[in-house]
Amino acid sequence: MQMNQFFVRKMQNVWESVDKQSLAQQSLPSGIVEIADIPYINDGNSGHLLDVYYPENTNGKLPESTAA
């Protein structure tokens, strides 16, 4: 592993740790659905995971159109 790759991975680990601590202190508002850790690149890298949040009882595409 090259030196710059080492430092990049070290910083990613620090950021991930800080994020986990921050998220552990938060809760979702009522009426919100969470789908967590969807891999958009299936390589095991936690930086390649997507979280999706949307209102409960939603049908169709979002955002909903407000046009009449």
C-alpha atoms as a PDB file:
ATOM      1  CA  MET A   1       0.000   0.000   0.000  1.00  0.00           C
ATOM      2  CA  GLN A   2       1.340   3.406  -0.921  1.00  0.00           C
ATOM      3  CA  MET A   3       1.682   6.107   1.708  1.00  0.00           C
ATOM      4  CA  ASN A   4      -1.121   8.288   0.283  1.00  0.00           C
ATOM      5  CA  GLN A   5      -3.520   5.300   0.234  1.00  0.00           C
ATOM      6  CA  PHE A   6      -2.662   4.624   3.868  1.00  0.00           C
ATOM      7  CA  PHE A   7      -3.539   8.180   4.912  1.00  0.00           C
ATOM      8  CA  VAL A   8      -6.740   8.213   2.851  1.00  0.00           C
ATOM      9  CA  ARG A   9      -7.933   4.988   4.510  1.00  0.00           C
ATOM     10  CA  LYS A  10      -6.969   6.295   7.936  1.00  0.00           C
ATOM     11  CA  MET A  11      -8.994   9.490   7.392  1.00  0.00           C
ATOM     12  CA  GLN A  12     -11.961   7.472   6.086  1.00  0.00           C
ATOM     13  CA  ASN A  13     -11.902   5.392   9.262  1.00  0.00           C
ATOM     14  CA  VAL A  14     -11.828   8.518  11.428  1.00  0.00           C
ATOM     15  CA  TRP A  15     -14.721  10.107   9.515  1.00  0.00           C
ATOM     16  CA  GLU A  16     -16.747   6.903   9.685  1.00  0.00           C
ATOM     17  CA  SER A  17     -16.218   6.676  13.442  1.00  0.00           C
ATOM     18  CA  VAL A  18     -17.299  10.298  13.982  1.00  0.00           C
ATOM     19  CA  ASP A  19     -20.343   9.780  11.735  1.00  0.00           C
ATOM     20  CA  LYS A  20     -21.405   6.653  13.648  1.00  0.00           C
ATOM     21  CA  GLN A  21     -21.175   8.503  16.966  1.00  0.00           C
ATOM     22  CA  SER A  22     -23.220  11.394  15.631  1.00  0.00           C
ATOM     23  CA  LEU A  23     -25.865   9.153  14.056  1.00  0.00           C
ATOM     24  CA  ALA A  24     -26.213   7.100  17.254  1.00  0.00           C
ATOM     25  CA  GLN A  25     -27.421  10.262  19.028  1.00  0.00           C
ATOM     26  CA  GLN A  26     -30.097  10.994  16.411  1.00  0.00           C
ATOM     27  CA  SER A  27     -33.496   9.498  15.672  1.00  0.00           C
ATOM     28  CA  LEU A  28     -35.744   9.693  12.643  1.00  0.00           C
ATOM     29  CA  PRO A  29     -38.837  11.877  12.792  1.00  0.00           C
ATOM     30  CA  SER A  30     -42.080   9.911  12.955  1.00  0.00           C
ATOM     31  CA  GLY A  31     -43.515   8.998   9.577  1.00  0.00           C
ATOM     32  CA  ILE A  32     -40.141   8.518   7.869  1.00  0.00           C
ATOM     33  CA  VAL A  33     -38.989   5.191   6.423  1.00  0.00           C
ATOM     34  CA  GLU A  34     -35.268   4.396   6.227  1.00  0.00           C
ATOM     35  CA  ILE A  35     -33.614   1.857   3.965  1.00  0.00           C
ATOM     36  CA  ALA A  36     -29.956   1.747   4.975  1.00  0.00           C
ATOM     37  CA  ASP A  37     -26.738   0.404   3.509  1.00  0.00           C
ATOM     38  CA  ILE A  38     -27.786  -0.237  -0.088  1.00  0.00           C
ATOM     39  CA  PRO A  39     -24.575  -1.037  -1.998  1.00  0.00           C
ATOM     40  CA  TYR A  40     -24.263   0.852  -5.268  1.00  0.00           C
ATOM     41  CA  ILE A  41     -20.844  -0.699  -5.813  1.00  0.00           C
ATOM     42  CA  ASN A  42     -20.713  -4.161  -4.296  1.00  0.00           C
ATOM     43  CA  ASP A  43     -17.080  -4.090  -3.154  1.00  0.00           C
ATOM     44  CA  GLY A  44     -17.490  -4.122   0.645  1.00  0.00           C
ATOM     45  CA  ASN A  45     -16.426  -0.467   0.973  1.00  0.00           C
ATOM     46  CA  SER A  46     -18.681   1.318   3.482  1.00  0.00           C
ATOM     47  CA  GLY A  47     -18.246   4.486   1.429  1.00  0.00           C
ATOM     48  CA  HIS A  48     -20.181   2.812  -1.389  1.00  0.00           C
ATOM     49  CA  LEU A  49     -23.414   2.408   0.552  1.00  0.00           C
ATOM     50  CA  LEU A  50     -26.549   4.461   0.041  1.00  0.00           C
ATOM     51  CA  ASP A  51     -29.255   5.297   2.592  1.00  0.00           C
ATOM     52  CA  VAL A  52     -32.735   6.259   1.377  1.00  0.00           C
ATOM     53  CA  TYR A  53     -35.328   8.132   3.456  1.00  0.00           C
ATOM     54  CA  TYR A  54     -38.927   8.772   2.402  1.00  0.00           C
ATOM     55  CA  PRO A  55     -42.329   9.532   3.959  1.00  0.00           C
ATOM     56  CA  GLU A  56     -44.487   6.566   5.025  1.00  0.00           C
ATOM     57  CA  ASN A  57     -47.453   5.602   2.850  1.00  0.00           C
ATOM     58  CA  THR A  58     -45.892   7.102  -0.258  1.00  0.00           C
ATOM     59  CA  ASN A  59     -46.959   5.745  -3.607  1.00  0.00           C
ATOM     60  CA  GLY A  60     -45.315   6.738  -6.847  1.00  0.00           C
ATOM     61  CA  LYS A  61     -42.310   8.823  -7.662  1.00  0.00           C
ATOM     62  CA  LEU A  62     -40.857  11.443  -5.343  1.00  0.00           C
ATOM     63  CA  PRO A  63     -40.844  14.366  -5.047  1.00  0.00           C
ATOM     64  CA  GLU A  64     -44.567  14.548  -5.551  1.00  0.00           C
ATOM     65  CA  SER A  65     -45.655  17.135  -8.058  1.00  0.00           C
ATOM     66  CA  THR A  66     -47.530  20.153  -6.725  1.00  0.00           C
ATOM     67  CA  ALA A  67     -48.618  21.249 -10.206  1.00  0.00           C
ATOM     68  CA  ALA A  68     -52.390  21.431 -10.762  1.00  0.00           C
END
